[in-house]
Amino acid sequence: MDTLSRMRCFLKVVDAGGFSAAARELGRSKALVSKYVGELEDELGARLLNRTTRQISMTEVGHAFYKEASDILTRIDDLKASVQNTHQAARGKLRISAPRSMGDDFINQAVMDFLVAEPDISIDLRLEDRFVDLVEEGFDVAIRVSELTDSSLIARKLAPFRGVICATPAVIERYGVPRQPQDLAELPCIIDSNYRFRNNWQFKGEAGRISVAVSGRVEVNSAQAARAAALRGLGFLRTPHLFVHRDMVAGDLVEVLHDHQHDGQAIHVVYPHRRHLSGKVRAFVDFLSDWFAAKRKRGEIC
């Protein structure tokens, strides 16, 4: 077995979390997989894995080797893909990172529509509200909401991203229309903890950015749960416009403080800069661009 194959075997053991799981995925015996990793350690003259009867863990040398081996094999795979003309039919597994707060309503829908359109692609979708290092963590693409500044990534803007403050007509009738952001400090608010500033809501003021501390009976970490609370009349909600577009069109929720919302943020799809862009990434980026453009044309995103 050559060195590159042993490296792939080692990476599979780490990714699968053990020799047995790796053997099942590789279609080989556990003893053979263990032999290959042992041969790699002998070739390197260093132990890469600590083994017990129940688990494995990487040594310090193993951690360093894993990262470098991953990069080497990725470059080799990219080279092979370019030779095989990756601009033809898209295929393979696509690893996607996206904010959990956008997952329930939009990202899940877009990704499932993409899978229907591209039957030769499988996906590994990770929804989590943290900054993901695409290269370090092995993701192909990420969907981000921000004023994008990282020049090491290639980005395509999908749509503008505007937040709204809204409430039901009954809530507005009961408490009145807030005229200034500071008025919200005295009103019941629904807090979505996925929001970056949590209960310190940021607004555009005459002298620049202002922060208002809000409170209320409801705090959740789900945009859908926050929307449900707003529709039940439990307070004023800060949320992306695209999450409540239909409710606002129907008159179930009414926007307030429109002129105090920040501009400049947008939804981007980003991916590492590579000379040879894989067909699966190109297909996904193009699909998302068209999918969000259709949403904007229908007025669902503004």
Protein backbone atom coordinates (compact mmCIF):
# COMPACT_ATOMS: atom_id res chain seq x y z
CA MET A 1 0.00 0.00 0.00
CA ASP A 2 1.48 3.40 -0.99
CA THR A 3 1.95 6.33 1.39
CA LEU A 4 -0.98 8.35 0.02
CA SER A 5 -3.34 5.42 0.55
CA ARG A 6 -2.10 4.97 4.10
CA MET A 7 -2.65 8.70 4.70
CA ARG A 8 -6.23 8.40 3.46
CA CYS A 9 -6.75 5.43 5.77
CA PHE A 10 -5.42 7.42 8.75
CA LEU A 11 -7.70 10.36 7.96
CA LYS A 12 -10.69 8.04 7.66
CA VAL A 13 -9.97 6.52 11.10
CA VAL A 14 -9.86 10.00 12.66
CA ASP A 15 -12.96 11.26 10.82
CA ALA A 16 -14.94 8.11 11.59
CA GLY A 17 -13.90 8.14 15.25
CA GLY A 18 -12.34 4.69 15.34
CA PHE A 19 -10.98 1.71 13.47
CA SER A 20 -14.24 -0.24 13.36
CA ALA A 21 -16.25 2.63 11.89
CA ALA A 22 -13.47 3.41 9.41
CA ALA A 23 -13.27 -0.24 8.36
CA ARG A 24 -17.03 -0.30 7.67
CA GLU A 25 -16.83 2.86 5.55
CA LEU A 26 -13.78 1.61 3.65
CA GLY A 27 -15.17 -1.89 3.19
CA ARG A 28 -12.11 -3.48 4.78
CA SER A 29 -11.42 -5.42 7.94
CA LYS A 30 -10.58 -3.63 11.18
CA ALA A 31 -7.30 -5.55 11.37
CA LEU A 32 -6.28 -4.40 7.90
CA VAL A 33 -7.11 -0.76 8.66
CA SER A 34 -5.09 -0.98 11.88
CA LYS A 35 -2.20 -2.49 9.91
CA TYR A 36 -2.21 0.37 7.38
CA VAL A 37 -2.15 3.03 10.11
CA GLY A 38 0.65 1.12 11.87
CA GLU A 39 2.65 1.00 8.64
CA LEU A 40 2.23 4.76 8.24
CA GLU A 41 3.47 5.33 11.80
CA ASP A 42 6.45 3.06 11.13
CA GLU A 43 7.24 4.93 7.92
CA LEU A 44 7.10 8.27 9.73
CA GLY A 45 8.85 7.00 12.84
CA ALA A 46 6.21 8.62 15.06
CA ARG A 47 3.01 7.59 16.82
CA LEU A 48 -0.03 9.37 15.39
CA LEU A 49 -2.79 7.81 17.49
CA ASN A 50 -3.21 6.88 21.12
CA ARG A 51 -5.25 3.67 21.27
CA THR A 52 -7.31 2.18 24.06
CA THR A 53 -9.86 -0.62 23.96
CA ARG A 54 -12.68 1.93 23.76
CA GLN A 55 -11.41 4.99 21.94
CA ILE A 56 -8.66 6.64 19.98
CA SER A 57 -7.14 10.11 20.21
CA MET A 58 -4.54 11.90 18.16
CA THR A 59 -1.12 12.63 19.57
CA GLU A 60 0.36 16.09 19.21
CA VAL A 61 2.27 14.87 16.17
CA GLY A 62 -0.93 13.26 14.91
CA HIS A 63 -2.81 16.58 15.04
CA ALA A 64 -0.12 18.31 12.98
CA PHE A 65 0.10 15.44 10.52
CA TYR A 66 -3.71 15.29 10.12
CA LYS A 67 -3.90 18.94 9.05
CA GLU A 68 -0.99 18.70 6.61
CA ALA A 69 -2.18 15.37 5.20
CA SER A 70 -5.68 16.78 4.71
CA ASP A 71 -4.27 19.74 2.79
CA ILE A 72 -2.04 17.52 0.64
CA LEU A 73 -4.82 15.10 -0.24
CA THR A 74 -7.21 17.96 -0.97
CA ARG A 75 -4.71 19.48 -3.40
CA ILE A 76 -4.20 16.10 -5.04
CA ASP A 77 -7.95 15.57 -5.31
CA ASP A 78 -8.38 19.06 -6.76
CA LEU A 79 -5.67 18.35 -9.31
CA LYS A 80 -7.30 15.08 -10.32
CA ALA A 81 -10.69 16.81 -10.52
CA SER A 82 -9.31 19.52 -12.79
CA VAL A 83 -7.81 16.91 -15.12
CA GLN A 84 -11.16 15.12 -15.19
CA ASN A 85 -12.87 18.36 -16.22
CA THR A 86 -14.86 19.25 -13.13
CA HIS A 87 -16.96 21.72 -15.10
CA GLN A 88 -18.98 18.83 -16.44
CA ALA A 89 -21.73 17.16 -14.41
CA ALA A 90 -21.62 18.05 -10.71
CA ARG A 91 -21.25 15.11 -8.35
CA GLY A 92 -19.99 14.11 -4.90
CA LYS A 93 -20.60 15.23 -1.32
CA LEU A 94 -20.91 18.96 -0.60
CA ARG A 95 -20.17 20.21 2.93
CA ILE A 96 -22.15 23.36 3.73
CA SER A 97 -22.04 25.65 6.76
CA ALA A 98 -24.89 28.09 7.45
CA PRO A 99 -26.36 30.04 10.39
CA ARG A 100 -28.84 28.06 12.46
CA SER A 101 -31.05 31.14 12.63
CA MET A 102 -31.55 30.99 8.84
CA GLY A 103 -31.84 27.25 8.60
CA ASP A 104 -35.47 26.62 9.49
CA ASP A 105 -37.00 28.92 6.91
CA PHE A 106 -34.62 29.48 4.04
CA ILE A 107 -31.43 27.45 3.94
CA ASN A 108 -33.11 24.08 4.44
CA GLN A 109 -35.59 24.87 1.68
CA ALA A 110 -32.90 26.07 -0.73
CA VAL A 111 -30.63 23.07 -0.08
CA MET A 112 -33.44 20.53 -0.53
CA ASP A 113 -34.50 22.22 -3.78
CA PHE A 114 -30.85 21.97 -4.89
CA LEU A 115 -30.72 18.25 -4.12
CA VAL A 116 -33.82 17.68 -6.24
CA ALA A 117 -32.18 19.57 -9.11
CA GLU A 118 -28.80 17.79 -8.74
CA PRO A 119 -29.36 14.04 -8.15
CA ASP A 120 -25.62 13.19 -8.27
CA ILE A 121 -24.77 15.41 -5.29
CA SER A 122 -25.14 14.56 -1.60
CA ILE A 123 -24.81 17.11 1.17
CA ASP A 124 -23.57 17.48 4.72
CA LEU A 125 -25.35 20.60 6.04
CA ARG A 126 -24.19 22.01 9.38
CA LEU A 127 -26.35 24.72 10.95
CA GLU A 128 -24.58 26.54 13.75
CA ASP A 129 -24.28 30.15 14.84
CA ARG A 130 -20.51 30.45 14.99
CA PHE A 131 -17.78 31.55 12.62
CA VAL A 132 -16.54 28.51 10.68
CA ASP A 133 -13.05 28.32 9.21
CA LEU A 134 -13.85 26.73 5.86
CA VAL A 135 -10.34 25.53 5.08
CA GLU A 136 -9.44 24.37 8.59
CA GLU A 137 -12.73 22.50 9.08
CA GLY A 138 -13.10 21.11 5.57
CA PHE A 139 -16.23 22.90 4.38
CA ASP A 140 -16.82 23.50 0.69
CA VAL A 141 -19.07 26.53 1.06
CA ALA A 142 -20.67 28.69 3.74
CA ILE A 143 -23.64 31.00 3.79
CA ARG A 144 -23.00 34.11 5.85
CA VAL A 145 -24.84 37.26 6.83
CA SER A 146 -22.39 40.11 7.24
CA GLU A 147 -20.54 43.04 5.78
CA LEU A 148 -17.99 40.67 4.26
CA THR A 149 -14.37 41.71 4.79
CA ASP A 150 -12.36 38.46 4.60
CA SER A 151 -10.44 38.83 1.34
CA SER A 152 -9.13 35.25 1.53
CA LEU A 153 -12.58 33.97 0.55
CA ILE A 154 -14.42 34.24 -2.71
CA ALA A 155 -17.94 35.57 -2.13
CA ARG A 156 -21.09 36.03 -4.16
CA LYS A 157 -23.80 38.30 -2.85
CA LEU A 158 -27.16 36.57 -2.82
CA ALA A 159 -29.44 39.23 -1.38
CA PRO A 160 -29.51 42.29 0.87
CA PHE A 161 -30.24 41.55 4.50
CA ARG A 162 -32.58 43.89 6.38
CA GLY A 163 -33.81 43.52 9.92
CA VAL A 164 -37.23 44.68 11.09
CA ILE A 165 -38.91 45.50 14.40
CA CYS A 166 -42.48 44.27 14.27
CA ALA A 167 -45.49 43.35 16.38
CA THR A 168 -49.13 42.43 15.94
CA PRO A 169 -51.69 45.20 15.42
CA ALA A 170 -53.15 44.33 18.86
CA VAL A 171 -49.78 44.86 20.59
CA ILE A 172 -49.27 48.16 18.81
CA GLU A 173 -52.78 49.27 19.74
CA ARG A 174 -52.16 48.36 23.39
CA TYR A 175 -48.69 49.90 23.81
CA GLY A 176 -48.60 52.47 21.03
CA VAL A 177 -46.13 52.91 18.18
CA PRO A 178 -42.55 53.40 19.41
CA ARG A 179 -41.23 56.63 17.89
CA GLN A 180 -37.59 56.22 18.91
CA PRO A 181 -35.53 53.06 19.52
CA GLN A 182 -35.19 54.02 23.21
CA ASP A 183 -38.97 53.55 23.60
CA LEU A 184 -38.45 49.77 23.32
CA ALA A 185 -36.69 49.74 26.69
CA GLU A 186 -40.10 50.21 28.32
CA LEU A 187 -41.98 47.76 26.10
CA PRO A 188 -42.23 43.93 26.13
CA CYS A 189 -39.75 42.50 23.63
CA ILE A 190 -39.13 39.00 22.30
CA ILE A 191 -35.44 38.12 22.42
CA ASP A 192 -33.91 35.74 19.89
CA SER A 193 -30.57 34.74 21.44
CA ASN A 194 -29.22 33.85 17.97
CA TYR A 195 -29.07 37.59 17.38
CA ARG A 196 -25.49 38.78 17.78
CA PHE A 197 -26.21 41.43 20.42
CA ARG A 198 -28.89 39.36 22.17
CA ASN A 199 -30.97 41.82 24.24
CA ASN A 200 -28.90 44.90 23.32
CA TRP A 201 -30.58 45.88 20.07
CA GLN A 202 -28.54 48.09 17.74
CA PHE A 203 -30.03 50.95 15.75
CA LYS A 204 -29.03 53.79 13.46
CA GLY A 205 -29.21 57.13 15.26
CA GLU A 206 -28.53 60.70 14.24
CA ALA A 207 -25.07 60.59 15.82
CA GLY A 208 -24.25 57.03 14.75
CA ARG A 209 -24.96 53.59 16.17
CA ILE A 210 -27.05 53.38 19.35
CA SER A 211 -27.77 50.41 21.62
CA VAL A 212 -31.02 49.81 23.48
CA ALA A 213 -31.30 47.24 26.29
CA VAL A 214 -34.61 45.42 25.92
CA SER A 215 -36.36 42.77 27.99
CA GLY A 216 -39.47 40.63 27.96
CA ARG A 217 -41.04 37.36 29.03
CA VAL A 218 -39.78 35.40 26.02
CA GLU A 219 -36.18 34.50 25.16
CA VAL A 220 -35.55 31.72 22.63
CA ASN A 221 -32.75 30.55 20.34
CA SER A 222 -34.99 29.93 17.35
CA ALA A 223 -36.19 32.43 14.77
CA GLN A 224 -39.32 30.35 14.23
CA ALA A 225 -40.13 30.28 17.95
CA ALA A 226 -39.55 34.03 18.18
CA ARG A 227 -41.88 34.59 15.23
CA ALA A 228 -44.53 32.38 16.83
CA ALA A 229 -44.30 34.42 20.04
CA ALA A 230 -44.74 37.64 18.10
CA LEU A 231 -47.79 36.29 16.29
CA ARG A 232 -49.32 35.38 19.66
CA GLY A 233 -48.99 38.99 20.75
CA LEU A 234 -46.22 38.53 23.31
CA GLY A 235 -44.24 41.61 22.36
CA PHE A 236 -42.09 43.42 19.82
CA LEU A 237 -39.74 41.25 17.75
CA ARG A 238 -36.45 41.99 16.02
CA THR A 239 -35.93 39.56 13.15
CA PRO A 240 -34.79 39.43 9.51
CA HIS A 241 -37.41 40.77 7.12
CA LEU A 242 -37.33 37.58 5.08
CA PHE A 243 -38.57 35.54 8.07
CA VAL A 244 -41.76 37.59 8.51
CA HIS A 245 -42.41 38.80 4.97
CA ARG A 246 -45.59 36.76 4.56
CA ASP A 247 -46.90 37.83 7.98
CA MET A 248 -46.37 41.50 7.13
CA VAL A 249 -48.06 41.15 3.74
CA ALA A 250 -51.02 39.48 5.47
CA GLY A 251 -51.17 42.26 8.06
CA ASP A 252 -50.54 39.87 10.95
CA LEU A 253 -47.35 41.75 11.86
CA VAL A 254 -46.63 45.46 11.41
CA GLU A 255 -43.18 47.02 11.09
CA VAL A 256 -42.11 49.93 13.30
CA LEU A 257 -38.93 52.05 13.50
CA HIS A 258 -38.15 51.39 9.84
CA ASP A 259 -35.89 54.45 9.48
CA HIS A 260 -33.64 53.33 12.34
CA GLN A 261 -32.52 50.02 10.82
CA HIS A 262 -28.91 49.54 9.69
CA ASP A 263 -28.11 49.08 6.02
CA GLY A 264 -25.12 47.39 4.43
CA GLN A 265 -25.44 43.77 5.52
CA ALA A 266 -26.07 41.09 2.94
CA ILE A 267 -26.41 37.34 2.54
CA HIS A 268 -23.32 35.87 0.85
CA VAL A 269 -22.26 32.42 -0.23
CA VAL A 270 -18.51 32.09 0.30
CA TYR A 271 -15.92 29.48 -0.58
CA PRO A 272 -12.12 29.18 -0.39
CA HIS A 273 -10.14 30.59 -3.26
CA ARG A 274 -9.08 27.69 -5.43
CA ARG A 275 -7.68 27.64 -8.92
CA HIS A 276 -9.93 24.77 -9.91
CA LEU A 277 -13.46 25.21 -8.60
CA SER A 278 -15.20 21.86 -8.28
CA GLY A 279 -18.35 21.23 -10.26
CA LYS A 280 -20.42 20.63 -7.13
CA VAL A 281 -19.45 24.01 -5.63
CA ARG A 282 -20.03 25.85 -8.89
CA ALA A 283 -23.43 24.20 -9.28
CA PHE A 284 -24.47 25.10 -5.72
CA VAL A 285 -23.31 28.72 -5.94
CA ASP A 286 -25.11 29.23 -9.25
CA PHE A 287 -28.25 27.55 -7.92
CA LEU A 288 -28.33 29.70 -4.78
CA SER A 289 -27.85 32.86 -6.81
CA ASP A 290 -30.85 32.00 -9.00
CA TRP A 291 -32.92 30.82 -6.02
CA PHE A 292 -32.46 34.04 -4.05
CA ALA A 293 -32.98 36.14 -7.20
CA ALA A 294 -36.39 34.49 -7.63
CA LYS A 295 -37.22 35.29 -3.99
CA ARG A 296 -36.29 38.92 -4.54
CA LYS A 297 -38.33 39.12 -7.76
CA ARG A 298 -41.40 37.92 -5.83
CA GLY A 299 -40.76 40.57 -3.17
CA GLU A 300 -40.02 38.05 -0.43
CA ILE A 301 -36.62 39.64 0.22
CA CYS A 302 -35.99 43.38 0.10
